[in-house]
Amino acid sequence: MKASPHAGLLATLQQRFGQHPERHPGLAWTTVEARLAAHPKQLAVLAAMEASGGEPDVIAQDPATGALSFCDCAPESPAGRRSLCYDDAALAARKLHKPAGSAVALAASLGIELLDEAQYRHLQTLGAFDTKTSSWLRTPPAIRKLGGALFGDRRYGQVFTYHNGAESYYAARGFRGLLTV
């Protein structure tokens, strides 16, 4: 019998799942494993999240559909997704010192969505994230239309949401993604 190409990833996900029960109270690994078996194409997305430093883990389950929400749970913003401006419009607007890309475009290429402010705040109830870094957040169109974008972090024991010009980028700012399986 041929081994699964994602056996190592599944072992990593299972170990992380077991180490952090506070992220998914009442959920059994067998439920997660069955859901992933029913949606095998999503394993490639989880592998990309893992490869870019995201350390994905389950943070919610929809009681009506059984869908699982996997989120980047690395303590700091994923290292492989930093130094990016917010979106491609912001990237195009930069005249000098353009970053390698944008958070929105990279998220789309990975098959994930940026967290919005409510999702980010929920994640922060499950642990202390972004205590040294920050993460771009999915920005409402009205704010983006005015040239801004949102990001969040945790400082002084509090979760903060801020704004910045969408074209800005920093070595310590990346983004966290969400995948529904």
N, C-alpha and C. Protein backbone atom coordinates (compact mmCIF):
# COMPACT_ATOMS: atom_id res chain seq x y z
N MET A 1 0.85 -1.18 0.00
CA MET A 1 0.00 0.00 0.00
C MET A 1 0.89 1.24 0.00
N LYS A 2 0.55 2.21 -0.83
CA LYS A 2 1.33 3.43 -0.97
C LYS A 2 1.02 4.41 0.17
N ALA A 3 2.07 5.00 0.74
CA ALA A 3 1.90 5.97 1.83
C ALA A 3 1.32 7.28 1.28
N SER A 4 0.52 7.93 2.10
CA SER A 4 -0.07 9.21 1.72
C SER A 4 1.02 10.27 1.59
N PRO A 5 0.96 11.11 0.54
CA PRO A 5 1.96 12.17 0.41
C PRO A 5 1.85 13.21 1.53
N HIS A 6 0.74 13.18 2.25
CA HIS A 6 0.52 14.15 3.33
C HIS A 6 0.60 13.51 4.72
N ALA A 7 1.19 12.31 4.81
CA ALA A 7 1.26 11.62 6.09
C ALA A 7 2.02 12.44 7.13
N GLY A 8 3.13 13.05 6.74
CA GLY A 8 3.90 13.88 7.66
C GLY A 8 3.11 15.09 8.13
N LEU A 9 2.39 15.72 7.20
CA LEU A 9 1.56 16.88 7.55
C LEU A 9 0.47 16.47 8.53
N LEU A 10 -0.20 15.35 8.26
CA LEU A 10 -1.26 14.89 9.14
C LEU A 10 -0.73 14.60 10.54
N ALA A 11 0.46 14.01 10.62
CA ALA A 11 1.07 13.74 11.92
C ALA A 11 1.35 15.05 12.67
N THR A 12 1.84 16.06 11.94
CA THR A 12 2.12 17.38 12.54
C THR A 12 0.83 18.02 13.02
N LEU A 13 -0.21 17.99 12.18
CA LEU A 13 -1.50 18.57 12.56
C LEU A 13 -2.10 17.87 13.78
N GLN A 14 -1.99 16.54 13.80
CA GLN A 14 -2.52 15.78 14.92
C GLN A 14 -1.78 16.11 16.22
N GLN A 15 -0.47 16.21 16.13
CA GLN A 15 0.32 16.54 17.31
C GLN A 15 -0.05 17.93 17.84
N ARG A 16 -0.13 18.91 16.93
CA ARG A 16 -0.49 20.28 17.32
C ARG A 16 -1.90 20.32 17.92
N PHE A 17 -2.81 19.59 17.29
CA PHE A 17 -4.20 19.51 17.77
C PHE A 17 -4.22 19.00 19.21
N GLY A 18 -3.45 17.97 19.49
CA GLY A 18 -3.39 17.40 20.83
C GLY A 18 -2.72 18.30 21.85
N GLN A 19 -1.78 19.11 21.41
CA GLN A 19 -1.05 20.01 22.31
C GLN A 19 -1.86 21.24 22.70
N HIS A 20 -2.89 21.57 21.93
CA HIS A 20 -3.65 22.81 22.16
C HIS A 20 -5.16 22.56 22.20
N PRO A 21 -5.64 21.77 23.17
CA PRO A 21 -7.09 21.49 23.23
C PRO A 21 -7.94 22.73 23.50
N GLU A 22 -7.33 23.78 24.05
CA GLU A 22 -8.08 25.02 24.33
C GLU A 22 -8.56 25.70 23.03
N ARG A 23 -7.96 25.35 21.91
CA ARG A 23 -8.36 25.96 20.64
C ARG A 23 -9.62 25.31 20.06
N HIS A 24 -9.94 24.10 20.50
CA HIS A 24 -11.07 23.35 19.92
C HIS A 24 -11.71 22.44 20.97
N PRO A 25 -12.23 23.02 22.04
CA PRO A 25 -12.80 22.20 23.11
C PRO A 25 -13.93 21.30 22.61
N GLY A 26 -13.89 20.05 23.07
CA GLY A 26 -14.94 19.10 22.72
C GLY A 26 -14.80 18.46 21.35
N LEU A 27 -13.82 18.85 20.58
CA LEU A 27 -13.63 18.30 19.24
C LEU A 27 -12.59 17.18 19.29
N ALA A 28 -12.89 16.05 18.67
CA ALA A 28 -11.98 14.91 18.64
C ALA A 28 -11.17 14.90 17.35
N TRP A 29 -9.93 14.44 17.44
CA TRP A 29 -9.08 14.35 16.25
C TRP A 29 -9.72 13.47 15.18
N THR A 30 -10.43 12.42 15.56
CA THR A 30 -11.05 11.53 14.58
C THR A 30 -12.04 12.30 13.69
N THR A 31 -12.71 13.30 14.27
CA THR A 31 -13.63 14.15 13.49
C THR A 31 -12.85 14.97 12.47
N VAL A 32 -11.72 15.53 12.90
CA VAL A 32 -10.87 16.33 12.01
C VAL A 32 -10.32 15.45 10.89
N GLU A 33 -9.82 14.29 11.26
CA GLU A 33 -9.24 13.36 10.29
C GLU A 33 -10.27 12.94 9.24
N ALA A 34 -11.50 12.67 9.68
CA ALA A 34 -12.56 12.28 8.76
C ALA A 34 -12.91 13.43 7.82
N ARG A 35 -12.95 14.63 8.35
CA ARG A 35 -13.27 15.81 7.52
C ARG A 35 -12.20 16.02 6.47
N LEU A 36 -10.93 15.88 6.86
CA LEU A 36 -9.82 16.04 5.90
C LEU A 36 -9.84 14.93 4.86
N ALA A 37 -10.19 13.72 5.26
CA ALA A 37 -10.28 12.60 4.31
C ALA A 37 -11.37 12.86 3.27
N ALA A 38 -12.44 13.54 3.70
CA ALA A 38 -13.55 13.87 2.79
C ALA A 38 -13.23 15.05 1.88
N HIS A 39 -12.19 15.82 2.22
CA HIS A 39 -11.79 17.00 1.44
C HIS A 39 -10.27 16.97 1.22
N PRO A 40 -9.77 15.98 0.51
CA PRO A 40 -8.32 15.80 0.39
C PRO A 40 -7.58 16.94 -0.31
N LYS A 41 -8.24 17.69 -1.17
CA LYS A 41 -7.57 18.80 -1.86
C LYS A 41 -7.17 19.90 -0.88
N GLN A 42 -7.86 20.00 0.24
CA GLN A 42 -7.53 21.03 1.23
C GLN A 42 -6.22 20.73 1.95
N LEU A 43 -5.74 19.49 1.86
CA LEU A 43 -4.46 19.16 2.49
C LEU A 43 -3.31 19.93 1.83
N ALA A 44 -3.41 20.17 0.54
CA ALA A 44 -2.37 20.95 -0.14
C ALA A 44 -2.35 22.39 0.39
N VAL A 45 -3.51 22.94 0.69
CA VAL A 45 -3.59 24.29 1.24
C VAL A 45 -2.99 24.30 2.64
N LEU A 46 -3.34 23.32 3.45
CA LEU A 46 -2.77 23.22 4.79
C LEU A 46 -1.25 23.04 4.73
N ALA A 47 -0.78 22.29 3.74
CA ALA A 47 0.67 22.11 3.57
C ALA A 47 1.33 23.44 3.24
N ALA A 48 0.69 24.27 2.42
CA ALA A 48 1.25 25.59 2.08
C ALA A 48 1.23 26.50 3.30
N MET A 49 0.18 26.42 4.10
CA MET A 49 0.12 27.21 5.33
C MET A 49 1.27 26.81 6.26
N GLU A 50 1.49 25.51 6.38
CA GLU A 50 2.56 25.00 7.24
C GLU A 50 3.93 25.40 6.70
N ALA A 51 4.14 25.25 5.40
CA ALA A 51 5.44 25.55 4.79
C ALA A 51 5.83 27.02 4.92
N SER A 52 4.84 27.91 4.99
CA SER A 52 5.13 29.34 5.12
C SER A 52 5.17 29.80 6.57
N GLY A 53 5.16 28.86 7.50
CA GLY A 53 5.32 29.19 8.91
C GLY A 53 4.05 29.43 9.68
N GLY A 54 2.91 29.06 9.14
CA GLY A 54 1.64 29.38 9.78
C GLY A 54 1.23 28.51 10.96
N GLU A 55 1.72 27.28 11.02
CA GLU A 55 1.33 26.35 12.09
C GLU A 55 -0.20 26.27 12.22
N PRO A 56 -0.90 25.83 11.15
CA PRO A 56 -2.36 25.81 11.20
C PRO A 56 -2.90 24.83 12.23
N ASP A 57 -4.03 25.22 12.82
CA ASP A 57 -4.74 24.38 13.78
C ASP A 57 -6.23 24.70 13.67
N VAL A 58 -7.06 23.79 14.15
CA VAL A 58 -8.51 23.99 14.14
C VAL A 58 -8.87 24.96 15.25
N ILE A 59 -9.66 25.99 14.91
CA ILE A 59 -10.09 26.94 15.94
C ILE A 59 -11.61 27.02 16.07
N ALA A 60 -12.34 26.34 15.18
CA ALA A 60 -13.81 26.37 15.27
C ALA A 60 -14.40 25.27 14.39
N GLN A 61 -15.62 24.88 14.74
CA GLN A 61 -16.40 23.97 13.92
C GLN A 61 -17.81 24.53 13.80
N ASP A 62 -18.32 24.59 12.59
CA ASP A 62 -19.68 25.04 12.36
C ASP A 62 -20.64 23.93 12.81
N PRO A 63 -21.48 24.19 13.80
CA PRO A 63 -22.36 23.13 14.30
C PRO A 63 -23.39 22.66 13.27
N ALA A 64 -23.75 23.52 12.33
CA ALA A 64 -24.76 23.16 11.34
C ALA A 64 -24.19 22.28 10.22
N THR A 65 -22.98 22.60 9.77
CA THR A 65 -22.42 21.90 8.61
C THR A 65 -21.27 20.95 8.96
N GLY A 66 -20.69 21.13 10.13
CA GLY A 66 -19.52 20.33 10.49
C GLY A 66 -18.22 20.88 9.94
N ALA A 67 -18.30 21.98 9.17
CA ALA A 67 -17.09 22.55 8.58
C ALA A 67 -16.13 23.00 9.67
N LEU A 68 -14.85 22.76 9.43
CA LEU A 68 -13.80 23.12 10.36
C LEU A 68 -13.07 24.36 9.87
N SER A 69 -12.73 25.25 10.80
CA SER A 69 -11.94 26.44 10.48
C SER A 69 -10.52 26.21 10.96
N PHE A 70 -9.58 26.17 10.02
CA PHE A 70 -8.17 26.09 10.33
C PHE A 70 -7.60 27.50 10.23
N CYS A 71 -6.80 27.87 11.21
CA CYS A 71 -6.21 29.21 11.24
C CYS A 71 -4.72 29.09 11.53
N ASP A 72 -3.95 30.05 11.04
CA ASP A 72 -2.53 30.12 11.39
C ASP A 72 -2.42 30.42 12.87
N CYS A 73 -1.79 29.52 13.61
CA CYS A 73 -1.66 29.67 15.06
C CYS A 73 -0.20 29.79 15.49
N ALA A 74 0.68 30.15 14.57
CA ALA A 74 2.07 30.41 14.95
C ALA A 74 2.06 31.55 15.96
N PRO A 75 2.95 31.51 16.97
CA PRO A 75 2.95 32.58 17.96
C PRO A 75 3.09 33.98 17.35
N GLU A 76 3.93 34.11 16.34
CA GLU A 76 4.11 35.39 15.64
C GLU A 76 3.61 35.25 14.21
N SER A 77 3.37 36.36 13.56
CA SER A 77 2.89 36.36 12.17
C SER A 77 3.80 35.46 11.34
N PRO A 78 3.24 34.59 10.49
CA PRO A 78 4.06 33.61 9.78
C PRO A 78 5.26 34.23 9.05
N ALA A 79 6.43 33.70 9.35
CA ALA A 79 7.69 34.25 8.84
C ALA A 79 7.76 34.26 7.31
N GLY A 80 7.15 33.29 6.68
CA GLY A 80 7.18 33.22 5.23
C GLY A 80 6.18 34.11 4.53
N ARG A 81 5.50 34.97 5.30
CA ARG A 81 4.47 35.84 4.73
C ARG A 81 4.58 37.25 5.27
N ARG A 82 5.79 37.76 5.39
CA ARG A 82 6.00 39.11 5.93
C ARG A 82 6.57 40.02 4.85
N SER A 83 6.70 41.29 5.20
CA SER A 83 7.24 42.33 4.30
C SER A 83 6.41 42.45 3.03
N LEU A 84 5.11 42.47 3.20
CA LEU A 84 4.17 42.59 2.08
C LEU A 84 3.26 43.79 2.33
N CYS A 85 2.93 44.51 1.25
CA CYS A 85 1.91 45.54 1.41
C CYS A 85 0.55 44.85 1.44
N TYR A 86 -0.51 45.60 1.58
CA TYR A 86 -1.82 44.99 1.80
C TYR A 86 -2.36 44.26 0.57
N ASP A 87 -2.50 44.97 -0.56
CA ASP A 87 -3.08 44.34 -1.75
C ASP A 87 -2.35 44.80 -3.01
N ASP A 88 -2.76 44.26 -4.15
CA ASP A 88 -2.06 44.58 -5.40
C ASP A 88 -2.23 46.04 -5.82
N ALA A 89 -3.34 46.67 -5.48
CA ALA A 89 -3.51 48.09 -5.78
C ALA A 89 -2.47 48.91 -5.01
N ALA A 90 -2.24 48.54 -3.76
CA ALA A 90 -1.22 49.22 -2.95
C ALA A 90 0.17 48.96 -3.51
N LEU A 91 0.42 47.75 -3.96
CA LEU A 91 1.71 47.40 -4.55
C LEU A 91 1.95 48.23 -5.81
N ALA A 92 0.93 48.37 -6.65
CA ALA A 92 1.06 49.15 -7.88
C ALA A 92 1.28 50.64 -7.58
N ALA A 93 0.73 51.11 -6.47
CA ALA A 93 0.85 52.53 -6.12
C ALA A 93 2.24 52.90 -5.61
N ARG A 94 2.99 51.93 -5.15
CA ARG A 94 4.33 52.22 -4.63
C ARG A 94 5.25 52.57 -5.79
N LYS A 95 5.94 53.67 -5.68
CA LYS A 95 6.87 54.08 -6.74
C LYS A 95 8.28 53.57 -6.47
N LEU A 96 8.69 53.56 -5.21
CA LEU A 96 10.04 53.15 -4.82
C LEU A 96 9.98 52.04 -3.79
N HIS A 97 11.00 51.22 -3.77
CA HIS A 97 11.17 50.19 -2.73
C HIS A 97 9.95 49.29 -2.60
N LYS A 98 9.52 48.76 -3.74
CA LYS A 98 8.35 47.88 -3.72
C LYS A 98 8.68 46.58 -2.99
N PRO A 99 7.74 46.08 -2.20
CA PRO A 99 7.94 44.77 -1.58
C PRO A 99 7.76 43.67 -2.62
N ALA A 100 8.00 42.45 -2.22
CA ALA A 100 7.91 41.31 -3.14
C ALA A 100 6.47 41.04 -3.60
N GLY A 101 5.50 41.49 -2.84
CA GLY A 101 4.11 41.22 -3.21
C GLY A 101 3.15 41.80 -2.19
N SER A 102 1.93 41.26 -2.24
CA SER A 102 0.90 41.76 -1.32
C SER A 102 0.30 40.61 -0.52
N ALA A 103 -0.21 40.94 0.65
CA ALA A 103 -0.82 39.95 1.52
C ALA A 103 -2.06 39.33 0.87
N VAL A 104 -2.91 40.14 0.29
CA VAL A 104 -4.14 39.63 -0.31
C VAL A 104 -3.83 38.67 -1.47
N ALA A 105 -2.88 39.02 -2.31
CA ALA A 105 -2.54 38.16 -3.44
C ALA A 105 -1.90 36.86 -2.98
N LEU A 106 -1.00 36.94 -2.01
CA LEU A 106 -0.36 35.72 -1.52
C LEU A 106 -1.38 34.81 -0.84
N ALA A 107 -2.29 35.39 -0.07
CA ALA A 107 -3.34 34.58 0.56
C ALA A 107 -4.16 33.85 -0.50
N ALA A 108 -4.54 34.56 -1.55
CA ALA A 108 -5.32 33.94 -2.63
C ALA A 108 -4.53 32.82 -3.30
N SER A 109 -3.24 33.03 -3.51
CA SER A 109 -2.43 31.99 -4.17
C SER A 109 -2.28 30.75 -3.28
N LEU A 110 -2.33 30.94 -1.97
CA LEU A 110 -2.26 29.82 -1.04
C LEU A 110 -3.61 29.12 -0.89
N GLY A 111 -4.69 29.82 -1.23
CA GLY A 111 -6.03 29.26 -1.08
C GLY A 111 -6.67 29.56 0.26
N ILE A 112 -6.20 30.65 0.91
CA ILE A 112 -6.74 31.04 2.21
C ILE A 112 -7.24 32.48 2.16
N GLU A 113 -7.94 32.90 3.21
CA GLU A 113 -8.41 34.28 3.32
C GLU A 113 -7.73 34.94 4.50
N LEU A 114 -7.47 36.24 4.40
CA LEU A 114 -6.99 36.98 5.55
C LEU A 114 -8.08 36.98 6.63
N LEU A 115 -7.67 36.98 7.88
CA LEU A 115 -8.63 37.09 8.96
C LEU A 115 -9.23 38.50 8.97
N ASP A 116 -10.51 38.60 9.27
CA ASP A 116 -11.08 39.92 9.50
C ASP A 116 -10.89 40.26 10.98
N GLU A 117 -11.31 41.44 11.39
CA GLU A 117 -11.06 41.87 12.76
C GLU A 117 -11.73 40.95 13.78
N ALA A 118 -12.96 40.52 13.54
CA ALA A 118 -13.66 39.65 14.48
C ALA A 118 -12.96 38.29 14.59
N GLN A 119 -12.54 37.73 13.47
CA GLN A 119 -11.82 36.46 13.49
C GLN A 119 -10.49 36.58 14.22
N TYR A 120 -9.80 37.70 14.01
CA TYR A 120 -8.53 37.93 14.68
C TYR A 120 -8.73 38.03 16.19
N ARG A 121 -9.75 38.75 16.60
CA ARG A 121 -10.04 38.88 18.03
C ARG A 121 -10.42 37.52 18.63
N HIS A 122 -11.16 36.71 17.88
CA HIS A 122 -11.48 35.36 18.35
C HIS A 122 -10.19 34.55 18.53
N LEU A 123 -9.31 34.59 17.54
CA LEU A 123 -8.04 33.86 17.65
C LEU A 123 -7.30 34.28 18.92
N GLN A 124 -7.31 35.56 19.21
CA GLN A 124 -6.58 36.07 20.37
C GLN A 124 -7.19 35.60 21.70
N THR A 125 -8.43 35.10 21.69
CA THR A 125 -9.00 34.51 22.91
C THR A 125 -8.45 33.12 23.16
N LEU A 126 -7.79 32.55 22.17
CA LEU A 126 -7.27 31.17 22.25
C LEU A 126 -5.80 31.13 22.62
N GLY A 127 -5.16 32.27 22.74
CA GLY A 127 -3.73 32.34 23.07
C GLY A 127 -3.23 33.75 22.84
N ALA A 128 -1.95 33.94 23.12
CA ALA A 128 -1.30 35.24 22.90
C ALA A 128 -0.55 35.19 21.58
N PHE A 129 -1.06 35.87 20.58
CA PHE A 129 -0.47 35.86 19.24
C PHE A 129 0.00 37.28 18.88
N ASP A 130 1.02 37.36 18.06
CA ASP A 130 1.54 38.64 17.56
C ASP A 130 1.96 39.56 18.70
N THR A 131 2.74 39.04 19.63
CA THR A 131 3.25 39.88 20.72
C THR A 131 4.49 40.65 20.31
N LYS A 132 5.12 40.26 19.21
CA LYS A 132 6.30 40.95 18.68
C LYS A 132 6.12 41.36 17.23
N THR A 133 5.11 40.82 16.58
CA THR A 133 4.85 41.10 15.17
C THR A 133 3.43 41.67 15.05
N SER A 134 2.98 41.88 13.83
CA SER A 134 1.60 42.28 13.58
C SER A 134 1.12 41.57 12.32
N SER A 135 -0.19 41.57 12.12
CA SER A 135 -0.78 40.87 10.97
C SER A 135 -1.80 41.76 10.28
N TRP A 136 -1.67 41.85 8.94
CA TRP A 136 -2.69 42.54 8.15
C TRP A 136 -4.02 41.84 8.38
N LEU A 137 -5.11 42.59 8.39
CA LEU A 137 -6.46 42.07 8.54
C LEU A 137 -7.29 42.43 7.32
N ARG A 138 -8.24 41.56 6.98
CA ARG A 138 -9.13 41.86 5.87
C ARG A 138 -9.82 43.18 6.19
N THR A 139 -9.68 44.12 5.30
CA THR A 139 -10.09 45.50 5.54
C THR A 139 -11.42 45.79 4.86
N PRO A 140 -12.36 46.44 5.57
CA PRO A 140 -13.63 46.81 4.94
C PRO A 140 -13.41 47.71 3.72
N PRO A 141 -14.21 47.54 2.68
CA PRO A 141 -14.04 48.33 1.45
C PRO A 141 -14.03 49.84 1.68
N ALA A 142 -14.82 50.34 2.62
CA ALA A 142 -14.87 51.80 2.85
C ALA A 142 -13.52 52.33 3.32
N ILE A 143 -12.83 51.57 4.15
CA ILE A 143 -11.50 51.98 4.62
C ILE A 143 -10.48 51.84 3.49
N ARG A 144 -10.58 50.73 2.78
CA ARG A 144 -9.62 50.49 1.70
C ARG A 144 -9.76 51.54 0.60
N LYS A 145 -11.00 51.96 0.33
CA LYS A 145 -11.25 52.97 -0.71
C LYS A 145 -10.54 54.29 -0.40
N LEU A 146 -10.35 54.56 0.88
CA LEU A 146 -9.68 55.78 1.31
C LEU A 146 -8.15 55.61 1.40
N GLY A 147 -7.65 54.45 1.01
CA GLY A 147 -6.20 54.21 0.99
C GLY A 147 -5.65 53.50 2.20
N GLY A 148 -6.51 53.17 3.16
CA GLY A 148 -6.04 52.53 4.39
C GLY A 148 -6.22 51.03 4.39
N ALA A 149 -5.62 50.40 5.38
CA ALA A 149 -5.78 48.97 5.62
C ALA A 149 -5.58 48.73 7.12
N LEU A 150 -6.20 47.67 7.62
CA LEU A 150 -6.15 47.36 9.04
C LEU A 150 -5.10 46.29 9.34
N PHE A 151 -4.54 46.37 10.53
CA PHE A 151 -3.69 45.30 11.04
C PHE A 151 -3.90 45.20 12.54
N GLY A 152 -3.50 44.07 13.09
CA GLY A 152 -3.68 43.86 14.52
C GLY A 152 -2.45 43.26 15.16
N ASP A 153 -2.38 43.42 16.48
CA ASP A 153 -1.33 42.79 17.26
C ASP A 153 -1.77 42.73 18.72
N ARG A 154 -0.91 42.16 19.56
CA ARG A 154 -1.16 42.11 21.00
C ARG A 154 0.02 42.76 21.70
N ARG A 155 -0.26 43.79 22.47
CA ARG A 155 0.74 44.48 23.26
C ARG A 155 0.15 44.78 24.63
N TYR A 156 0.99 44.77 25.64
CA TYR A 156 0.56 45.12 27.01
C TYR A 156 -0.63 44.29 27.48
N GLY A 157 -0.71 43.04 26.99
CA GLY A 157 -1.81 42.17 27.38
C GLY A 157 -3.14 42.49 26.73
N GLN A 158 -3.14 43.36 25.72
CA GLN A 158 -4.36 43.77 25.02
C GLN A 158 -4.22 43.54 23.52
N VAL A 159 -5.35 43.29 22.88
CA VAL A 159 -5.37 43.14 21.42
C VAL A 159 -5.76 44.50 20.83
N PHE A 160 -4.95 44.94 19.87
CA PHE A 160 -5.18 46.23 19.23
C PHE A 160 -5.42 46.04 17.74
N THR A 161 -6.29 46.87 17.19
CA THR A 161 -6.48 46.98 15.74
C THR A 161 -6.10 48.40 15.37
N TYR A 162 -5.26 48.50 14.35
CA TYR A 162 -4.75 49.80 13.90
C TYR A 162 -5.02 49.96 12.41
N HIS A 163 -4.63 51.12 11.91
CA HIS A 163 -4.72 51.38 10.48
C HIS A 163 -3.34 51.84 9.99
N ASN A 164 -3.11 51.67 8.73
CA ASN A 164 -1.88 52.11 8.08
C ASN A 164 -2.22 52.34 6.62
N GLY A 165 -1.36 53.03 5.92
CA GLY A 165 -1.53 53.11 4.48
C GLY A 165 -1.36 51.70 3.91
N ALA A 166 -2.20 51.31 3.01
CA ALA A 166 -2.16 49.95 2.46
C ALA A 166 -0.85 49.64 1.75
N GLU A 167 -0.15 50.67 1.29
CA GLU A 167 1.09 50.45 0.55
C GLU A 167 2.29 50.24 1.49
N SER A 168 2.10 50.43 2.79
CA SER A 168 3.21 50.25 3.72
C SER A 168 3.53 48.76 3.89
N TYR A 169 4.75 48.49 4.31
CA TYR A 169 5.13 47.11 4.63
C TYR A 169 6.28 47.15 5.61
N TYR A 170 6.34 46.11 6.44
CA TYR A 170 7.32 46.04 7.51
C TYR A 170 7.82 44.60 7.64
N ALA A 171 9.05 44.45 8.08
CA ALA A 171 9.64 43.13 8.26
C ALA A 171 8.90 42.32 9.33
N ALA A 172 8.26 43.00 10.25
CA ALA A 172 7.56 42.31 11.34
C ALA A 172 6.05 42.22 11.10
N ARG A 173 5.58 42.58 9.91
CA ARG A 173 4.14 42.47 9.62
C ARG A 173 3.91 41.48 8.50
N GLY A 174 3.06 40.52 8.80
CA GLY A 174 2.66 39.55 7.79
C GLY A 174 1.15 39.45 7.78
N PHE A 175 0.65 38.22 7.63
CA PHE A 175 -0.79 38.01 7.71
C PHE A 175 -1.06 36.58 8.15
N ARG A 176 -2.22 36.42 8.76
CA ARG A 176 -2.70 35.11 9.17
C ARG A 176 -3.87 34.74 8.27
N GLY A 177 -3.96 33.46 7.95
CA GLY A 177 -5.01 33.01 7.05
C GLY A 177 -5.98 32.06 7.71
N LEU A 178 -7.11 31.91 7.06
CA LEU A 178 -8.18 31.04 7.50
C LEU A 178 -8.58 30.13 6.34
N LEU A 179 -8.74 28.85 6.64
CA LEU A 179 -9.20 27.87 5.66
C LEU A 179 -10.38 27.12 6.25
N THR A 180 -11.46 27.05 5.51
CA THR A 180 -12.63 26.28 5.94
C THR A 180 -12.64 24.96 5.19
N VAL A 181 -12.71 23.88 5.95
CA VAL A 181 -12.71 22.53 5.36
C VAL A 181 -14.01 21.84 5.76
